[in-house]
Amino acid sequence: LGCDVVIDRRSEDVIAAVKEATGGR
């Protein structure tokens, strides 16, 4: 669909992955 970053909530820590993708912002 065009997502720049995809996070699988079943196998990844969503909070940590979002912070990594956004430089903590």
PDBML (XML) file of the C-alpha atoms, coordinates in Angstrom:
<?xml version="1.0" encoding="UTF-8" ?>
<PDBx:datablock datablockName="MODEL"
   xmlns:PDBx="http://pdbml.pdb.org/schema/pdbx-v50.xsd"
   xmlns:xsi="http://www.w3.org/2001/XMLSchema-instance"
   xsi:schemaLocation="http://pdbml.pdb.org/schema/pdbx-v50.xsd pdbx-v50.xsd">
   <PDBx:atom_siteCategory>
      <PDBx:atom_site id="1">
         <PDBx:B_iso_or_equiv>0.00</PDBx:B_iso_or_equiv>
         <PDBx:Cartn_x>0.000</PDBx:Cartn_x>
         <PDBx:Cartn_y>0.000</PDBx:Cartn_y>
         <PDBx:Cartn_z>0.000</PDBx:Cartn_z>
         <PDBx:auth_asym_id>A</PDBx:auth_asym_id>
         <PDBx:auth_atom_id>CA</PDBx:auth_atom_id>
         <PDBx:auth_comp_id>LEU</PDBx:auth_comp_id>
         <PDBx:auth_seq_id>1</PDBx:auth_seq_id>
         <PDBx:group_PDB>ATOM</PDBx:group_PDB>
         <PDBx:label_alt_id xsi:nil="true" />
         <PDBx:label_asym_id>A</PDBx:label_asym_id>
         <PDBx:label_atom_id>CA</PDBx:label_atom_id>
         <PDBx:label_comp_id>LEU</PDBx:label_comp_id>
         <PDBx:label_entity_id>1</PDBx:label_entity_id>
         <PDBx:label_seq_id>1</PDBx:label_seq_id>
         <PDBx:occupancy>1.00</PDBx:occupancy>
         <PDBx:pdbx_PDB_model_num>1</PDBx:pdbx_PDB_model_num>
         <PDBx:type_symbol>C</PDBx:type_symbol>
      </PDBx:atom_site>
      <PDBx:atom_site id="2">
         <PDBx:B_iso_or_equiv>0.00</PDBx:B_iso_or_equiv>
         <PDBx:Cartn_x>3.004</PDBx:Cartn_x>
         <PDBx:Cartn_y>2.277</PDBx:Cartn_y>
         <PDBx:Cartn_z>0.381</PDBx:Cartn_z>
         <PDBx:auth_asym_id>A</PDBx:auth_asym_id>
         <PDBx:auth_atom_id>CA</PDBx:auth_atom_id>
         <PDBx:auth_comp_id>GLY</PDBx:auth_comp_id>
         <PDBx:auth_seq_id>2</PDBx:auth_seq_id>
         <PDBx:group_PDB>ATOM</PDBx:group_PDB>
         <PDBx:label_alt_id xsi:nil="true" />
         <PDBx:label_asym_id>A</PDBx:label_asym_id>
         <PDBx:label_atom_id>CA</PDBx:label_atom_id>
         <PDBx:label_comp_id>GLY</PDBx:label_comp_id>
         <PDBx:label_entity_id>1</PDBx:label_entity_id>
         <PDBx:label_seq_id>2</PDBx:label_seq_id>
         <PDBx:occupancy>1.00</PDBx:occupancy>
         <PDBx:pdbx_PDB_model_num>1</PDBx:pdbx_PDB_model_num>
         <PDBx:type_symbol>C</PDBx:type_symbol>
      </PDBx:atom_site>
      <PDBx:atom_site id="3">
         <PDBx:B_iso_or_equiv>0.00</PDBx:B_iso_or_equiv>
         <PDBx:Cartn_x>3.837</PDBx:Cartn_x>
         <PDBx:Cartn_y>2.292</PDBx:Cartn_y>
         <PDBx:Cartn_z>4.099</PDBx:Cartn_z>
         <PDBx:auth_asym_id>A</PDBx:auth_asym_id>
         <PDBx:auth_atom_id>CA</PDBx:auth_atom_id>
         <PDBx:auth_comp_id>CYS</PDBx:auth_comp_id>
         <PDBx:auth_seq_id>3</PDBx:auth_seq_id>
         <PDBx:group_PDB>ATOM</PDBx:group_PDB>
         <PDBx:label_alt_id xsi:nil="true" />
         <PDBx:label_asym_id>A</PDBx:label_asym_id>
         <PDBx:label_atom_id>CA</PDBx:label_atom_id>
         <PDBx:label_comp_id>CYS</PDBx:label_comp_id>
         <PDBx:label_entity_id>1</PDBx:label_entity_id>
         <PDBx:label_seq_id>3</PDBx:label_seq_id>
         <PDBx:occupancy>1.00</PDBx:occupancy>
         <PDBx:pdbx_PDB_model_num>1</PDBx:pdbx_PDB_model_num>
         <PDBx:type_symbol>C</PDBx:type_symbol>
      </PDBx:atom_site>
      <PDBx:atom_site id="4">
         <PDBx:B_iso_or_equiv>0.00</PDBx:B_iso_or_equiv>
         <PDBx:Cartn_x>7.382</PDBx:Cartn_x>
         <PDBx:Cartn_y>3.549</PDBx:Cartn_y>
         <PDBx:Cartn_z>4.630</PDBx:Cartn_z>
         <PDBx:auth_asym_id>A</PDBx:auth_asym_id>
         <PDBx:auth_atom_id>CA</PDBx:auth_atom_id>
         <PDBx:auth_comp_id>ASP</PDBx:auth_comp_id>
         <PDBx:auth_seq_id>4</PDBx:auth_seq_id>
         <PDBx:group_PDB>ATOM</PDBx:group_PDB>
         <PDBx:label_alt_id xsi:nil="true" />
         <PDBx:label_asym_id>A</PDBx:label_asym_id>
         <PDBx:label_atom_id>CA</PDBx:label_atom_id>
         <PDBx:label_comp_id>ASP</PDBx:label_comp_id>
         <PDBx:label_entity_id>1</PDBx:label_entity_id>
         <PDBx:label_seq_id>4</PDBx:label_seq_id>
         <PDBx:occupancy>1.00</PDBx:occupancy>
         <PDBx:pdbx_PDB_model_num>1</PDBx:pdbx_PDB_model_num>
         <PDBx:type_symbol>C</PDBx:type_symbol>
      </PDBx:atom_site>
      <PDBx:atom_site id="5">
         <PDBx:B_iso_or_equiv>0.00</PDBx:B_iso_or_equiv>
         <PDBx:Cartn_x>7.682</PDBx:Cartn_x>
         <PDBx:Cartn_y>1.462</PDBx:Cartn_y>
         <PDBx:Cartn_z>7.791</PDBx:Cartn_z>
         <PDBx:auth_asym_id>A</PDBx:auth_asym_id>
         <PDBx:auth_atom_id>CA</PDBx:auth_atom_id>
         <PDBx:auth_comp_id>VAL</PDBx:auth_comp_id>
         <PDBx:auth_seq_id>5</PDBx:auth_seq_id>
         <PDBx:group_PDB>ATOM</PDBx:group_PDB>
         <PDBx:label_alt_id xsi:nil="true" />
         <PDBx:label_asym_id>A</PDBx:label_asym_id>
         <PDBx:label_atom_id>CA</PDBx:label_atom_id>
         <PDBx:label_comp_id>VAL</PDBx:label_comp_id>
         <PDBx:label_entity_id>1</PDBx:label_entity_id>
         <PDBx:label_seq_id>5</PDBx:label_seq_id>
         <PDBx:occupancy>1.00</PDBx:occupancy>
         <PDBx:pdbx_PDB_model_num>1</PDBx:pdbx_PDB_model_num>
         <PDBx:type_symbol>C</PDBx:type_symbol>
      </PDBx:atom_site>
      <PDBx:atom_site id="6">
         <PDBx:B_iso_or_equiv>0.00</PDBx:B_iso_or_equiv>
         <PDBx:Cartn_x>5.613</PDBx:Cartn_x>
         <PDBx:Cartn_y>-1.621</PDBx:Cartn_y>
         <PDBx:Cartn_z>8.677</PDBx:Cartn_z>
         <PDBx:auth_asym_id>A</PDBx:auth_asym_id>
         <PDBx:auth_atom_id>CA</PDBx:auth_atom_id>
         <PDBx:auth_comp_id>VAL</PDBx:auth_comp_id>
         <PDBx:auth_seq_id>6</PDBx:auth_seq_id>
         <PDBx:group_PDB>ATOM</PDBx:group_PDB>
         <PDBx:label_alt_id xsi:nil="true" />
         <PDBx:label_asym_id>A</PDBx:label_asym_id>
         <PDBx:label_atom_id>CA</PDBx:label_atom_id>
         <PDBx:label_comp_id>VAL</PDBx:label_comp_id>
         <PDBx:label_entity_id>1</PDBx:label_entity_id>
         <PDBx:label_seq_id>6</PDBx:label_seq_id>
         <PDBx:occupancy>1.00</PDBx:occupancy>
         <PDBx:pdbx_PDB_model_num>1</PDBx:pdbx_PDB_model_num>
         <PDBx:type_symbol>C</PDBx:type_symbol>
      </PDBx:atom_site>
      <PDBx:atom_site id="7">
         <PDBx:B_iso_or_equiv>0.00</PDBx:B_iso_or_equiv>
         <PDBx:Cartn_x>5.408</PDBx:Cartn_x>
         <PDBx:Cartn_y>-2.936</PDBx:Cartn_y>
         <PDBx:Cartn_z>12.246</PDBx:Cartn_z>
         <PDBx:auth_asym_id>A</PDBx:auth_asym_id>
         <PDBx:auth_atom_id>CA</PDBx:auth_atom_id>
         <PDBx:auth_comp_id>ILE</PDBx:auth_comp_id>
         <PDBx:auth_seq_id>7</PDBx:auth_seq_id>
         <PDBx:group_PDB>ATOM</PDBx:group_PDB>
         <PDBx:label_alt_id xsi:nil="true" />
         <PDBx:label_asym_id>A</PDBx:label_asym_id>
         <PDBx:label_atom_id>CA</PDBx:label_atom_id>
         <PDBx:label_comp_id>ILE</PDBx:label_comp_id>
         <PDBx:label_entity_id>1</PDBx:label_entity_id>
         <PDBx:label_seq_id>7</PDBx:label_seq_id>
         <PDBx:occupancy>1.00</PDBx:occupancy>
         <PDBx:pdbx_PDB_model_num>1</PDBx:pdbx_PDB_model_num>
         <PDBx:type_symbol>C</PDBx:type_symbol>
      </PDBx:atom_site>
      <PDBx:atom_site id="8">
         <PDBx:B_iso_or_equiv>0.00</PDBx:B_iso_or_equiv>
         <PDBx:Cartn_x>3.942</PDBx:Cartn_x>
         <PDBx:Cartn_y>-6.370</PDBx:Cartn_y>
         <PDBx:Cartn_z>13.019</PDBx:Cartn_z>
         <PDBx:auth_asym_id>A</PDBx:auth_asym_id>
         <PDBx:auth_atom_id>CA</PDBx:auth_atom_id>
         <PDBx:auth_comp_id>ASP</PDBx:auth_comp_id>
         <PDBx:auth_seq_id>8</PDBx:auth_seq_id>
         <PDBx:group_PDB>ATOM</PDBx:group_PDB>
         <PDBx:label_alt_id xsi:nil="true" />
         <PDBx:label_asym_id>A</PDBx:label_asym_id>
         <PDBx:label_atom_id>CA</PDBx:label_atom_id>
         <PDBx:label_comp_id>ASP</PDBx:label_comp_id>
         <PDBx:label_entity_id>1</PDBx:label_entity_id>
         <PDBx:label_seq_id>8</PDBx:label_seq_id>
         <PDBx:occupancy>1.00</PDBx:occupancy>
         <PDBx:pdbx_PDB_model_num>1</PDBx:pdbx_PDB_model_num>
         <PDBx:type_symbol>C</PDBx:type_symbol>
      </PDBx:atom_site>
      <PDBx:atom_site id="9">
         <PDBx:B_iso_or_equiv>0.00</PDBx:B_iso_or_equiv>
         <PDBx:Cartn_x>2.429</PDBx:Cartn_x>
         <PDBx:Cartn_y>-5.999</PDBx:Cartn_y>
         <PDBx:Cartn_z>16.483</PDBx:Cartn_z>
         <PDBx:auth_asym_id>A</PDBx:auth_asym_id>
         <PDBx:auth_atom_id>CA</PDBx:auth_atom_id>
         <PDBx:auth_comp_id>ARG</PDBx:auth_comp_id>
         <PDBx:auth_seq_id>9</PDBx:auth_seq_id>
         <PDBx:group_PDB>ATOM</PDBx:group_PDB>
         <PDBx:label_alt_id xsi:nil="true" />
         <PDBx:label_asym_id>A</PDBx:label_asym_id>
         <PDBx:label_atom_id>CA</PDBx:label_atom_id>
         <PDBx:label_comp_id>ARG</PDBx:label_comp_id>
         <PDBx:label_entity_id>1</PDBx:label_entity_id>
         <PDBx:label_seq_id>9</PDBx:label_seq_id>
         <PDBx:occupancy>1.00</PDBx:occupancy>
         <PDBx:pdbx_PDB_model_num>1</PDBx:pdbx_PDB_model_num>
         <PDBx:type_symbol>C</PDBx:type_symbol>
      </PDBx:atom_site>
      <PDBx:atom_site id="10">
         <PDBx:B_iso_or_equiv>0.00</PDBx:B_iso_or_equiv>
         <PDBx:Cartn_x>2.429</PDBx:Cartn_x>
         <PDBx:Cartn_y>-9.787</PDBx:Cartn_y>
         <PDBx:Cartn_z>16.916</PDBx:Cartn_z>
         <PDBx:auth_asym_id>A</PDBx:auth_asym_id>
         <PDBx:auth_atom_id>CA</PDBx:auth_atom_id>
         <PDBx:auth_comp_id>ARG</PDBx:auth_comp_id>
         <PDBx:auth_seq_id>10</PDBx:auth_seq_id>
         <PDBx:group_PDB>ATOM</PDBx:group_PDB>
         <PDBx:label_alt_id xsi:nil="true" />
         <PDBx:label_asym_id>A</PDBx:label_asym_id>
         <PDBx:label_atom_id>CA</PDBx:label_atom_id>
         <PDBx:label_comp_id>ARG</PDBx:label_comp_id>
         <PDBx:label_entity_id>1</PDBx:label_entity_id>
         <PDBx:label_seq_id>10</PDBx:label_seq_id>
         <PDBx:occupancy>1.00</PDBx:occupancy>
         <PDBx:pdbx_PDB_model_num>1</PDBx:pdbx_PDB_model_num>
         <PDBx:type_symbol>C</PDBx:type_symbol>
      </PDBx:atom_site>
      <PDBx:atom_site id="11">
         <PDBx:B_iso_or_equiv>0.00</PDBx:B_iso_or_equiv>
         <PDBx:Cartn_x>6.204</PDBx:Cartn_x>
         <PDBx:Cartn_y>-10.143</PDBx:Cartn_y>
         <PDBx:Cartn_z>16.646</PDBx:Cartn_z>
         <PDBx:auth_asym_id>A</PDBx:auth_asym_id>
         <PDBx:auth_atom_id>CA</PDBx:auth_atom_id>
         <PDBx:auth_comp_id>SER</PDBx:auth_comp_id>
         <PDBx:auth_seq_id>11</PDBx:auth_seq_id>
         <PDBx:group_PDB>ATOM</PDBx:group_PDB>
         <PDBx:label_alt_id xsi:nil="true" />
         <PDBx:label_asym_id>A</PDBx:label_asym_id>
         <PDBx:label_atom_id>CA</PDBx:label_atom_id>
         <PDBx:label_comp_id>SER</PDBx:label_comp_id>
         <PDBx:label_entity_id>1</PDBx:label_entity_id>
         <PDBx:label_seq_id>11</PDBx:label_seq_id>
         <PDBx:occupancy>1.00</PDBx:occupancy>
         <PDBx:pdbx_PDB_model_num>1</PDBx:pdbx_PDB_model_num>
         <PDBx:type_symbol>C</PDBx:type_symbol>
      </PDBx:atom_site>
      <PDBx:atom_site id="12">
         <PDBx:B_iso_or_equiv>0.00</PDBx:B_iso_or_equiv>
         <PDBx:Cartn_x>7.550</PDBx:Cartn_x>
         <PDBx:Cartn_y>-6.636</PDBx:Cartn_y>
         <PDBx:Cartn_z>17.389</PDBx:Cartn_z>
         <PDBx:auth_asym_id>A</PDBx:auth_asym_id>
         <PDBx:auth_atom_id>CA</PDBx:auth_atom_id>
         <PDBx:auth_comp_id>GLU</PDBx:auth_comp_id>
         <PDBx:auth_seq_id>12</PDBx:auth_seq_id>
         <PDBx:group_PDB>ATOM</PDBx:group_PDB>
         <PDBx:label_alt_id xsi:nil="true" />
         <PDBx:label_asym_id>A</PDBx:label_asym_id>
         <PDBx:label_atom_id>CA</PDBx:label_atom_id>
         <PDBx:label_comp_id>GLU</PDBx:label_comp_id>
         <PDBx:label_entity_id>1</PDBx:label_entity_id>
         <PDBx:label_seq_id>12</PDBx:label_seq_id>
         <PDBx:occupancy>1.00</PDBx:occupancy>
         <PDBx:pdbx_PDB_model_num>1</PDBx:pdbx_PDB_model_num>
         <PDBx:type_symbol>C</PDBx:type_symbol>
      </PDBx:atom_site>
      <PDBx:atom_site id="13">
         <PDBx:B_iso_or_equiv>0.00</PDBx:B_iso_or_equiv>
         <PDBx:Cartn_x>7.455</PDBx:Cartn_x>
         <PDBx:Cartn_y>-4.138</PDBx:Cartn_y>
         <PDBx:Cartn_z>20.231</PDBx:Cartn_z>
         <PDBx:auth_asym_id>A</PDBx:auth_asym_id>
         <PDBx:auth_atom_id>CA</PDBx:auth_atom_id>
         <PDBx:auth_comp_id>ASP</PDBx:auth_comp_id>
         <PDBx:auth_seq_id>13</PDBx:auth_seq_id>
         <PDBx:group_PDB>ATOM</PDBx:group_PDB>
         <PDBx:label_alt_id xsi:nil="true" />
         <PDBx:label_asym_id>A</PDBx:label_asym_id>
         <PDBx:label_atom_id>CA</PDBx:label_atom_id>
         <PDBx:label_comp_id>ASP</PDBx:label_comp_id>
         <PDBx:label_entity_id>1</PDBx:label_entity_id>
         <PDBx:label_seq_id>13</PDBx:label_seq_id>
         <PDBx:occupancy>1.00</PDBx:occupancy>
         <PDBx:pdbx_PDB_model_num>1</PDBx:pdbx_PDB_model_num>
         <PDBx:type_symbol>C</PDBx:type_symbol>
      </PDBx:atom_site>
      <PDBx:atom_site id="14">
         <PDBx:B_iso_or_equiv>0.00</PDBx:B_iso_or_equiv>
         <PDBx:Cartn_x>5.306</PDBx:Cartn_x>
         <PDBx:Cartn_y>-1.419</PDBx:Cartn_y>
         <PDBx:Cartn_z>18.653</PDBx:Cartn_z>
         <PDBx:auth_asym_id>A</PDBx:auth_asym_id>
         <PDBx:auth_atom_id>CA</PDBx:auth_atom_id>
         <PDBx:auth_comp_id>VAL</PDBx:auth_comp_id>
         <PDBx:auth_seq_id>14</PDBx:auth_seq_id>
         <PDBx:group_PDB>ATOM</PDBx:group_PDB>
         <PDBx:label_alt_id xsi:nil="true" />
         <PDBx:label_asym_id>A</PDBx:label_asym_id>
         <PDBx:label_atom_id>CA</PDBx:label_atom_id>
         <PDBx:label_comp_id>VAL</PDBx:label_comp_id>
         <PDBx:label_entity_id>1</PDBx:label_entity_id>
         <PDBx:label_seq_id>14</PDBx:label_seq_id>
         <PDBx:occupancy>1.00</PDBx:occupancy>
         <PDBx:pdbx_PDB_model_num>1</PDBx:pdbx_PDB_model_num>
         <PDBx:type_symbol>C</PDBx:type_symbol>
      </PDBx:atom_site>
      <PDBx:atom_site id="15">
         <PDBx:B_iso_or_equiv>0.00</PDBx:B_iso_or_equiv>
         <PDBx:Cartn_x>6.424</PDBx:Cartn_x>
         <PDBx:Cartn_y>1.352</PDBx:Cartn_y>
         <PDBx:Cartn_z>21.006</PDBx:Cartn_z>
         <PDBx:auth_asym_id>A</PDBx:auth_asym_id>
         <PDBx:auth_atom_id>CA</PDBx:auth_atom_id>
         <PDBx:auth_comp_id>ILE</PDBx:auth_comp_id>
         <PDBx:auth_seq_id>15</PDBx:auth_seq_id>
         <PDBx:group_PDB>ATOM</PDBx:group_PDB>
         <PDBx:label_alt_id xsi:nil="true" />
         <PDBx:label_asym_id>A</PDBx:label_asym_id>
         <PDBx:label_atom_id>CA</PDBx:label_atom_id>
         <PDBx:label_comp_id>ILE</PDBx:label_comp_id>
         <PDBx:label_entity_id>1</PDBx:label_entity_id>
         <PDBx:label_seq_id>15</PDBx:label_seq_id>
         <PDBx:occupancy>1.00</PDBx:occupancy>
         <PDBx:pdbx_PDB_model_num>1</PDBx:pdbx_PDB_model_num>
         <PDBx:type_symbol>C</PDBx:type_symbol>
      </PDBx:atom_site>
      <PDBx:atom_site id="16">
         <PDBx:B_iso_or_equiv>0.00</PDBx:B_iso_or_equiv>
         <PDBx:Cartn_x>10.124</PDBx:Cartn_x>
         <PDBx:Cartn_y>0.622</PDBx:Cartn_y>
         <PDBx:Cartn_z>20.551</PDBx:Cartn_z>
         <PDBx:auth_asym_id>A</PDBx:auth_asym_id>
         <PDBx:auth_atom_id>CA</PDBx:auth_atom_id>
         <PDBx:auth_comp_id>ALA</PDBx:auth_comp_id>
         <PDBx:auth_seq_id>16</PDBx:auth_seq_id>
         <PDBx:group_PDB>ATOM</PDBx:group_PDB>
         <PDBx:label_alt_id xsi:nil="true" />
         <PDBx:label_asym_id>A</PDBx:label_asym_id>
         <PDBx:label_atom_id>CA</PDBx:label_atom_id>
         <PDBx:label_comp_id>ALA</PDBx:label_comp_id>
         <PDBx:label_entity_id>1</PDBx:label_entity_id>
         <PDBx:label_seq_id>16</PDBx:label_seq_id>
         <PDBx:occupancy>1.00</PDBx:occupancy>
         <PDBx:pdbx_PDB_model_num>1</PDBx:pdbx_PDB_model_num>
         <PDBx:type_symbol>C</PDBx:type_symbol>
      </PDBx:atom_site>
      <PDBx:atom_site id="17">
         <PDBx:B_iso_or_equiv>0.00</PDBx:B_iso_or_equiv>
         <PDBx:Cartn_x>9.763</PDBx:Cartn_x>
         <PDBx:Cartn_y>0.239</PDBx:Cartn_y>
         <PDBx:Cartn_z>16.776</PDBx:Cartn_z>
         <PDBx:auth_asym_id>A</PDBx:auth_asym_id>
         <PDBx:auth_atom_id>CA</PDBx:auth_atom_id>
         <PDBx:auth_comp_id>ALA</PDBx:auth_comp_id>
         <PDBx:auth_seq_id>17</PDBx:auth_seq_id>
         <PDBx:group_PDB>ATOM</PDBx:group_PDB>
         <PDBx:label_alt_id xsi:nil="true" />
         <PDBx:label_asym_id>A</PDBx:label_asym_id>
         <PDBx:label_atom_id>CA</PDBx:label_atom_id>
         <PDBx:label_comp_id>ALA</PDBx:label_comp_id>
         <PDBx:label_entity_id>1</PDBx:label_entity_id>
         <PDBx:label_seq_id>17</PDBx:label_seq_id>
         <PDBx:occupancy>1.00</PDBx:occupancy>
         <PDBx:pdbx_PDB_model_num>1</PDBx:pdbx_PDB_model_num>
         <PDBx:type_symbol>C</PDBx:type_symbol>
      </PDBx:atom_site>
      <PDBx:atom_site id="18">
         <PDBx:B_iso_or_equiv>0.00</PDBx:B_iso_or_equiv>
         <PDBx:Cartn_x>7.950</PDBx:Cartn_x>
         <PDBx:Cartn_y>3.573</PDBx:Cartn_y>
         <PDBx:Cartn_z>16.403</PDBx:Cartn_z>
         <PDBx:auth_asym_id>A</PDBx:auth_asym_id>
         <PDBx:auth_atom_id>CA</PDBx:auth_atom_id>
         <PDBx:auth_comp_id>VAL</PDBx:auth_comp_id>
         <PDBx:auth_seq_id>18</PDBx:auth_seq_id>
         <PDBx:group_PDB>ATOM</PDBx:group_PDB>
         <PDBx:label_alt_id xsi:nil="true" />
         <PDBx:label_asym_id>A</PDBx:label_asym_id>
         <PDBx:label_atom_id>CA</PDBx:label_atom_id>
         <PDBx:label_comp_id>VAL</PDBx:label_comp_id>
         <PDBx:label_entity_id>1</PDBx:label_entity_id>
         <PDBx:label_seq_id>18</PDBx:label_seq_id>
         <PDBx:occupancy>1.00</PDBx:occupancy>
         <PDBx:pdbx_PDB_model_num>1</PDBx:pdbx_PDB_model_num>
         <PDBx:type_symbol>C</PDBx:type_symbol>
      </PDBx:atom_site>
      <PDBx:atom_site id="19">
         <PDBx:B_iso_or_equiv>0.00</PDBx:B_iso_or_equiv>
         <PDBx:Cartn_x>10.564</PDBx:Cartn_x>
         <PDBx:Cartn_y>5.374</PDBx:Cartn_y>
         <PDBx:Cartn_z>18.494</PDBx:Cartn_z>
         <PDBx:auth_asym_id>A</PDBx:auth_asym_id>
         <PDBx:auth_atom_id>CA</PDBx:auth_atom_id>
         <PDBx:auth_comp_id>LYS</PDBx:auth_comp_id>
         <PDBx:auth_seq_id>19</PDBx:auth_seq_id>
         <PDBx:group_PDB>ATOM</PDBx:group_PDB>
         <PDBx:label_alt_id xsi:nil="true" />
         <PDBx:label_asym_id>A</PDBx:label_asym_id>
         <PDBx:label_atom_id>CA</PDBx:label_atom_id>
         <PDBx:label_comp_id>LYS</PDBx:label_comp_id>
         <PDBx:label_entity_id>1</PDBx:label_entity_id>
         <PDBx:label_seq_id>19</PDBx:label_seq_id>
         <PDBx:occupancy>1.00</PDBx:occupancy>
         <PDBx:pdbx_PDB_model_num>1</PDBx:pdbx_PDB_model_num>
         <PDBx:type_symbol>C</PDBx:type_symbol>
      </PDBx:atom_site>
      <PDBx:atom_site id="20">
         <PDBx:B_iso_or_equiv>0.00</PDBx:B_iso_or_equiv>
         <PDBx:Cartn_x>13.337</PDBx:Cartn_x>
         <PDBx:Cartn_y>3.823</PDBx:Cartn_y>
         <PDBx:Cartn_z>16.403</PDBx:Cartn_z>
         <PDBx:auth_asym_id>A</PDBx:auth_asym_id>
         <PDBx:auth_atom_id>CA</PDBx:auth_atom_id>
         <PDBx:auth_comp_id>GLU</PDBx:auth_comp_id>
         <PDBx:auth_seq_id>20</PDBx:auth_seq_id>
         <PDBx:group_PDB>ATOM</PDBx:group_PDB>
         <PDBx:label_alt_id xsi:nil="true" />
         <PDBx:label_asym_id>A</PDBx:label_asym_id>
         <PDBx:label_atom_id>CA</PDBx:label_atom_id>
         <PDBx:label_comp_id>GLU</PDBx:label_comp_id>
         <PDBx:label_entity_id>1</PDBx:label_entity_id>
         <PDBx:label_seq_id>20</PDBx:label_seq_id>
         <PDBx:occupancy>1.00</PDBx:occupancy>
         <PDBx:pdbx_PDB_model_num>1</PDBx:pdbx_PDB_model_num>
         <PDBx:type_symbol>C</PDBx:type_symbol>
      </PDBx:atom_site>
      <PDBx:atom_site id="21">
         <PDBx:B_iso_or_equiv>0.00</PDBx:B_iso_or_equiv>
         <PDBx:Cartn_x>11.623</PDBx:Cartn_x>
         <PDBx:Cartn_y>4.802</PDBx:Cartn_y>
         <PDBx:Cartn_z>13.142</PDBx:Cartn_z>
         <PDBx:auth_asym_id>A</PDBx:auth_asym_id>
         <PDBx:auth_atom_id>CA</PDBx:auth_atom_id>
         <PDBx:auth_comp_id>ALA</PDBx:auth_comp_id>
         <PDBx:auth_seq_id>21</PDBx:auth_seq_id>
         <PDBx:group_PDB>ATOM</PDBx:group_PDB>
         <PDBx:label_alt_id xsi:nil="true" />
         <PDBx:label_asym_id>A</PDBx:label_asym_id>
         <PDBx:label_atom_id>CA</PDBx:label_atom_id>
         <PDBx:label_comp_id>ALA</PDBx:label_comp_id>
         <PDBx:label_entity_id>1</PDBx:label_entity_id>
         <PDBx:label_seq_id>21</PDBx:label_seq_id>
         <PDBx:occupancy>1.00</PDBx:occupancy>
         <PDBx:pdbx_PDB_model_num>1</PDBx:pdbx_PDB_model_num>
         <PDBx:type_symbol>C</PDBx:type_symbol>
      </PDBx:atom_site>
      <PDBx:atom_site id="22">
         <PDBx:B_iso_or_equiv>0.00</PDBx:B_iso_or_equiv>
         <PDBx:Cartn_x>11.153</PDBx:Cartn_x>
         <PDBx:Cartn_y>8.398</PDBx:Cartn_y>
         <PDBx:Cartn_z>14.294</PDBx:Cartn_z>
         <PDBx:auth_asym_id>A</PDBx:auth_asym_id>
         <PDBx:auth_atom_id>CA</PDBx:auth_atom_id>
         <PDBx:auth_comp_id>THR</PDBx:auth_comp_id>
         <PDBx:auth_seq_id>22</PDBx:auth_seq_id>
         <PDBx:group_PDB>ATOM</PDBx:group_PDB>
         <PDBx:label_alt_id xsi:nil="true" />
         <PDBx:label_asym_id>A</PDBx:label_asym_id>
         <PDBx:label_atom_id>CA</PDBx:label_atom_id>
         <PDBx:label_comp_id>THR</PDBx:label_comp_id>
         <PDBx:label_entity_id>1</PDBx:label_entity_id>
         <PDBx:label_seq_id>22</PDBx:label_seq_id>
         <PDBx:occupancy>1.00</PDBx:occupancy>
         <PDBx:pdbx_PDB_model_num>1</PDBx:pdbx_PDB_model_num>
         <PDBx:type_symbol>C</PDBx:type_symbol>
      </PDBx:atom_site>
      <PDBx:atom_site id="23">
         <PDBx:B_iso_or_equiv>0.00</PDBx:B_iso_or_equiv>
         <PDBx:Cartn_x>14.470</PDBx:Cartn_x>
         <PDBx:Cartn_y>8.957</PDBx:Cartn_y>
         <PDBx:Cartn_z>16.047</PDBx:Cartn_z>
         <PDBx:auth_asym_id>A</PDBx:auth_asym_id>
         <PDBx:auth_atom_id>CA</PDBx:auth_atom_id>
         <PDBx:auth_comp_id>GLY</PDBx:auth_comp_id>
         <PDBx:auth_seq_id>23</PDBx:auth_seq_id>
         <PDBx:group_PDB>ATOM</PDBx:group_PDB>
         <PDBx:label_alt_id xsi:nil="true" />
         <PDBx:label_asym_id>A</PDBx:label_asym_id>
         <PDBx:label_atom_id>CA</PDBx:label_atom_id>
         <PDBx:label_comp_id>GLY</PDBx:label_comp_id>
         <PDBx:label_entity_id>1</PDBx:label_entity_id>
         <PDBx:label_seq_id>23</PDBx:label_seq_id>
         <PDBx:occupancy>1.00</PDBx:occupancy>
         <PDBx:pdbx_PDB_model_num>1</PDBx:pdbx_PDB_model_num>
         <PDBx:type_symbol>C</PDBx:type_symbol>
      </PDBx:atom_site>
      <PDBx:atom_site id="24">
         <PDBx:B_iso_or_equiv>0.00</PDBx:B_iso_or_equiv>
         <PDBx:Cartn_x>12.687</PDBx:Cartn_x>
         <PDBx:Cartn_y>8.958</PDBx:Cartn_y>
         <PDBx:Cartn_z>19.400</PDBx:Cartn_z>
         <PDBx:auth_asym_id>A</PDBx:auth_asym_id>
         <PDBx:auth_atom_id>CA</PDBx:auth_atom_id>
         <PDBx:auth_comp_id>GLY</PDBx:auth_comp_id>
         <PDBx:auth_seq_id>24</PDBx:auth_seq_id>
         <PDBx:group_PDB>ATOM</PDBx:group_PDB>
         <PDBx:label_alt_id xsi:nil="true" />
         <PDBx:label_asym_id>A</PDBx:label_asym_id>
         <PDBx:label_atom_id>CA</PDBx:label_atom_id>
         <PDBx:label_comp_id>GLY</PDBx:label_comp_id>
         <PDBx:label_entity_id>1</PDBx:label_entity_id>
         <PDBx:label_seq_id>24</PDBx:label_seq_id>
         <PDBx:occupancy>1.00</PDBx:occupancy>
         <PDBx:pdbx_PDB_model_num>1</PDBx:pdbx_PDB_model_num>
         <PDBx:type_symbol>C</PDBx:type_symbol>
      </PDBx:atom_site>
      <PDBx:atom_site id="25">
         <PDBx:B_iso_or_equiv>0.00</PDBx:B_iso_or_equiv>
         <PDBx:Cartn_x>10.358</PDBx:Cartn_x>
         <PDBx:Cartn_y>11.813</PDBx:Cartn_y>
         <PDBx:Cartn_z>18.429</PDBx:Cartn_z>
         <PDBx:auth_asym_id>A</PDBx:auth_asym_id>
         <PDBx:auth_atom_id>CA</PDBx:auth_atom_id>
         <PDBx:auth_comp_id>ARG</PDBx:auth_comp_id>
         <PDBx:auth_seq_id>25</PDBx:auth_seq_id>
         <PDBx:group_PDB>ATOM</PDBx:group_PDB>
         <PDBx:label_alt_id xsi:nil="true" />
         <PDBx:label_asym_id>A</PDBx:label_asym_id>
         <PDBx:label_atom_id>CA</PDBx:label_atom_id>
         <PDBx:label_comp_id>ARG</PDBx:label_comp_id>
         <PDBx:label_entity_id>1</PDBx:label_entity_id>
         <PDBx:label_seq_id>25</PDBx:label_seq_id>
         <PDBx:occupancy>1.00</PDBx:occupancy>
         <PDBx:pdbx_PDB_model_num>1</PDBx:pdbx_PDB_model_num>
         <PDBx:type_symbol>C</PDBx:type_symbol>
      </PDBx:atom_site>
   </PDBx:atom_siteCategory>
</PDBx:datablock>
